[in-house]
N, C-alpha and C. Protein backbone atom coordinates (compact mmCIF):
# COMPACT_ATOMS: atom_id res chain seq x y z
N MET A 1 13.60 6.28 0.19
CA MET A 1 13.34 7.26 1.23
C MET A 1 12.11 8.03 0.75
N VAL A 2 11.30 8.24 1.81
CA VAL A 2 10.05 9.06 1.57
C VAL A 2 10.37 10.47 2.27
N ILE A 3 10.05 11.54 1.52
CA ILE A 3 10.21 12.84 2.09
C ILE A 3 8.93 13.35 2.65
N PHE A 4 9.02 13.75 3.98
CA PHE A 4 7.73 14.30 4.62
C PHE A 4 8.03 15.78 4.88
N ILE A 5 7.22 16.60 4.22
CA ILE A 5 7.44 18.13 4.29
C ILE A 5 6.42 18.54 5.37
N THR A 6 7.00 19.13 6.50
CA THR A 6 6.26 19.59 7.68
C THR A 6 6.26 21.12 7.75
N SER A 7 7.04 21.77 6.91
CA SER A 7 7.16 23.19 7.01
C SER A 7 7.71 23.76 5.69
N GLN A 8 7.59 25.01 5.49
CA GLN A 8 8.04 25.65 4.31
C GLN A 8 9.60 25.57 4.24
N SER A 9 10.26 25.65 5.45
CA SER A 9 11.73 25.55 5.49
C SER A 9 12.17 24.11 5.14
N ALA A 10 11.39 23.12 5.54
CA ALA A 10 11.68 21.77 5.11
C ALA A 10 11.59 21.64 3.55
N PHE A 11 10.58 22.22 3.00
CA PHE A 11 10.49 22.23 1.59
C PHE A 11 11.75 22.84 0.87
N GLN A 12 12.10 24.05 1.41
CA GLN A 12 13.22 24.73 0.85
C GLN A 12 14.47 23.89 0.97
N GLU A 13 14.69 23.15 2.10
CA GLU A 13 15.76 22.31 2.33
C GLU A 13 15.86 21.16 1.31
N MET A 14 14.78 20.64 1.04
CA MET A 14 14.75 19.41 0.27
C MET A 14 14.22 19.63 -1.19
N GLN A 15 14.05 20.79 -1.66
CA GLN A 15 13.52 21.11 -2.94
C GLN A 15 14.36 20.43 -4.09
N GLU A 16 15.70 20.59 -3.86
CA GLU A 16 16.63 20.03 -5.01
C GLU A 16 16.42 18.51 -5.00
N THR A 17 16.37 17.91 -3.88
CA THR A 17 16.23 16.47 -3.81
C THR A 17 14.91 15.98 -4.35
N ILE A 18 13.82 16.76 -3.97
CA ILE A 18 12.47 16.41 -4.45
C ILE A 18 12.51 16.44 -6.00
N LEU A 19 13.13 17.50 -6.56
CA LEU A 19 13.08 17.62 -8.12
C LEU A 19 13.88 16.57 -8.83
N THR A 20 14.61 15.72 -8.11
CA THR A 20 15.21 14.53 -8.78
C THR A 20 14.30 13.50 -9.12
N LEU A 21 13.04 13.62 -8.62
CA LEU A 21 12.00 12.60 -8.86
C LEU A 21 12.20 11.27 -8.45
N GLN A 22 13.14 11.09 -7.55
CA GLN A 22 13.51 9.71 -7.05
C GLN A 22 12.96 9.31 -5.81
N HIS A 23 12.16 10.24 -5.19
CA HIS A 23 11.47 10.02 -3.86
C HIS A 23 10.10 10.41 -3.88
N PRO A 24 9.19 9.70 -3.26
CA PRO A 24 7.76 10.07 -3.05
C PRO A 24 7.87 11.22 -1.94
N VAL A 25 6.95 12.17 -2.13
CA VAL A 25 6.95 13.26 -1.21
C VAL A 25 5.47 13.31 -0.55
N TRP A 26 5.44 13.58 0.76
CA TRP A 26 4.25 13.75 1.46
C TRP A 26 4.33 15.15 2.14
N CYS A 27 3.26 15.82 2.10
CA CYS A 27 3.25 17.18 2.63
C CYS A 27 2.03 17.45 3.51
N GLY A 28 2.31 18.16 4.68
CA GLY A 28 1.28 18.45 5.61
C GLY A 28 0.34 19.45 4.89
N PRO A 29 -0.90 19.61 5.41
CA PRO A 29 -1.81 20.52 4.83
C PRO A 29 -1.35 21.98 5.05
N ASP A 30 -1.73 22.83 4.07
CA ASP A 30 -1.33 24.24 4.18
C ASP A 30 0.10 24.62 4.36
N ILE A 31 1.02 23.72 3.91
CA ILE A 31 2.45 24.06 3.85
C ILE A 31 2.80 24.62 2.55
N LEU A 32 2.39 24.09 1.49
CA LEU A 32 2.78 24.57 0.10
C LEU A 32 1.60 25.42 -0.44
N THR A 33 1.95 26.39 -1.25
CA THR A 33 0.87 27.15 -1.92
C THR A 33 0.35 26.27 -3.06
N LEU A 34 -0.82 26.69 -3.57
CA LEU A 34 -1.39 26.00 -4.71
C LEU A 34 -0.46 26.03 -5.93
N GLN A 35 0.23 27.12 -6.10
CA GLN A 35 1.14 27.24 -7.17
C GLN A 35 2.36 26.27 -6.99
N GLU A 36 2.91 26.21 -5.81
CA GLU A 36 3.97 25.21 -5.52
C GLU A 36 3.57 23.83 -5.84
N THR A 37 2.39 23.43 -5.28
CA THR A 37 1.86 22.16 -5.46
C THR A 37 1.61 21.79 -6.98
N ASN A 38 1.08 22.69 -7.71
CA ASN A 38 0.84 22.50 -9.18
C ASN A 38 2.20 22.34 -9.86
N GLU A 39 3.21 23.17 -9.54
CA GLU A 39 4.50 23.04 -10.12
C GLU A 39 5.14 21.73 -9.92
N LEU A 40 5.04 21.17 -8.64
CA LEU A 40 5.59 19.91 -8.37
C LEU A 40 4.84 18.74 -9.10
N TYR A 41 3.54 18.85 -9.25
CA TYR A 41 2.78 17.87 -10.09
C TYR A 41 3.25 17.92 -11.53
N LYS A 42 3.32 19.10 -12.05
CA LYS A 42 3.75 19.30 -13.45
C LYS A 42 5.20 18.80 -13.70
N ALA A 43 6.06 18.86 -12.69
CA ALA A 43 7.49 18.43 -12.83
C ALA A 43 7.51 16.81 -12.76
N GLY A 44 6.41 16.21 -12.29
CA GLY A 44 6.38 14.75 -12.26
C GLY A 44 6.64 14.21 -10.87
N VAL A 45 6.61 15.06 -9.83
CA VAL A 45 6.91 14.61 -8.51
C VAL A 45 5.72 13.81 -7.95
N GLU A 46 5.98 12.67 -7.42
CA GLU A 46 4.97 11.89 -6.70
C GLU A 46 4.57 12.47 -5.40
N LEU A 47 3.63 13.36 -5.42
CA LEU A 47 3.29 14.10 -4.25
C LEU A 47 1.80 13.79 -3.68
N SER A 48 1.83 13.66 -2.42
CA SER A 48 0.64 13.47 -1.64
C SER A 48 0.46 14.56 -0.64
N VAL A 49 -0.66 15.14 -0.56
CA VAL A 49 -0.91 16.21 0.39
C VAL A 49 -1.89 15.71 1.41
N LEU A 50 -1.47 15.67 2.69
CA LEU A 50 -2.27 15.10 3.76
C LEU A 50 -3.52 16.07 4.06
N ASP A 51 -4.61 15.56 4.55
CA ASP A 51 -5.66 16.40 4.96
C ASP A 51 -5.53 16.92 6.35
N ASP A 52 -6.51 17.68 6.89
CA ASP A 52 -6.39 18.48 8.17
C ASP A 52 -6.21 17.47 9.43
N GLU A 53 -6.59 16.22 9.25
CA GLU A 53 -6.51 15.44 10.47
C GLU A 53 -5.05 15.00 10.75
N ALA A 54 -4.12 15.22 9.70
CA ALA A 54 -2.71 14.93 9.91
C ALA A 54 -1.94 16.23 9.93
N THR A 55 -2.36 17.11 10.70
CA THR A 55 -1.73 18.41 10.79
C THR A 55 -0.31 18.35 11.31
N THR A 56 0.49 19.28 10.91
CA THR A 56 1.93 19.17 11.33
C THR A 56 2.27 20.17 12.49
N ASP A 57 1.28 20.78 13.06
CA ASP A 57 1.58 21.67 14.10
C ASP A 57 1.41 21.15 15.55
N THR A 58 1.06 19.84 15.64
CA THR A 58 1.09 19.08 16.92
C THR A 58 1.78 17.82 16.72
N GLN A 59 2.33 17.29 17.78
CA GLN A 59 3.00 15.99 17.66
C GLN A 59 1.99 14.86 17.35
N ALA A 60 0.79 14.98 17.86
CA ALA A 60 -0.26 13.93 17.56
C ALA A 60 -0.56 14.02 16.02
N GLY A 61 -0.60 15.16 15.48
CA GLY A 61 -0.86 15.26 14.04
C GLY A 61 0.34 14.74 13.22
N ILE A 62 1.54 14.95 13.70
CA ILE A 62 2.67 14.37 13.01
C ILE A 62 2.73 12.89 13.14
N ASP A 63 2.42 12.34 14.31
CA ASP A 63 2.31 10.96 14.47
C ASP A 63 1.32 10.33 13.56
N THR A 64 0.05 10.93 13.40
CA THR A 64 -0.95 10.40 12.52
C THR A 64 -0.39 10.37 11.11
N ALA A 65 0.30 11.47 10.66
CA ALA A 65 0.78 11.63 9.31
C ALA A 65 1.91 10.49 9.08
N LEU A 66 2.75 10.28 10.02
CA LEU A 66 3.78 9.28 9.88
C LEU A 66 3.11 7.86 9.75
N GLU A 67 2.08 7.64 10.54
CA GLU A 67 1.33 6.35 10.43
C GLU A 67 0.78 6.16 9.06
N ILE A 68 0.16 7.23 8.50
CA ILE A 68 -0.46 7.14 7.21
C ILE A 68 0.68 6.84 6.11
N ILE A 69 1.80 7.60 6.17
CA ILE A 69 2.88 7.43 5.28
C ILE A 69 3.48 5.97 5.40
N ARG A 70 3.63 5.48 6.56
CA ARG A 70 4.11 4.13 6.73
C ARG A 70 3.17 3.02 6.10
N ILE A 71 1.87 3.27 6.13
CA ILE A 71 0.98 2.30 5.52
C ILE A 71 1.22 2.27 4.02
N HIS A 72 1.48 3.45 3.40
CA HIS A 72 1.55 3.53 1.95
C HIS A 72 2.99 3.16 1.50
N HIS A 73 4.08 3.32 2.43
CA HIS A 73 5.44 3.09 2.11
C HIS A 73 6.08 2.23 3.13
N PRO A 74 5.64 0.93 3.27
CA PRO A 74 6.15 0.12 4.38
C PRO A 74 7.65 -0.08 4.15
N GLU A 75 8.45 -0.23 5.18
CA GLU A 75 9.79 -0.62 5.03
C GLU A 75 10.64 0.56 4.47
N GLN A 76 10.13 1.70 4.19
CA GLN A 76 10.94 2.81 3.76
C GLN A 76 11.30 3.78 4.79
N GLU A 77 12.45 4.34 4.68
CA GLU A 77 12.86 5.36 5.60
C GLU A 77 12.10 6.71 5.35
N ILE A 78 11.67 7.38 6.32
CA ILE A 78 11.00 8.64 6.14
C ILE A 78 11.77 9.85 6.58
N TRP A 79 12.11 10.69 5.70
CA TRP A 79 12.85 11.91 6.14
C TRP A 79 11.89 12.93 6.66
N VAL A 80 12.28 13.52 7.84
CA VAL A 80 11.49 14.55 8.50
C VAL A 80 12.54 15.58 8.96
N GLN A 81 12.36 16.82 8.70
CA GLN A 81 13.28 17.86 9.16
C GLN A 81 13.38 17.81 10.63
N ALA A 82 14.61 17.87 11.15
CA ALA A 82 14.84 17.88 12.61
C ALA A 82 14.40 19.27 13.09
N LYS A 83 13.82 19.21 14.32
CA LYS A 83 13.49 20.49 14.96
C LYS A 83 14.69 21.18 15.33
N LYS A 84 14.73 22.52 15.15
CA LYS A 84 15.91 23.30 15.55
C LYS A 84 15.74 24.00 16.93
């Protein structure tokens, strides 16, 4: 499973799972602080931060991000927080 972080609440929801180091994590731009990003890298998390073209504030941006993730992780399930 690949974890796609689209919001701070998604990060909070999945933080424990992320820290197991068993899943690659992709994050939208401007979701995590620099400190959070650095802490994840130091913990050994396989983290990729998307650039501004894959923004998470529009459906088109999310679709672009999912396409990028699928290219890098074909055949893997992608976890995305459900909209509430």
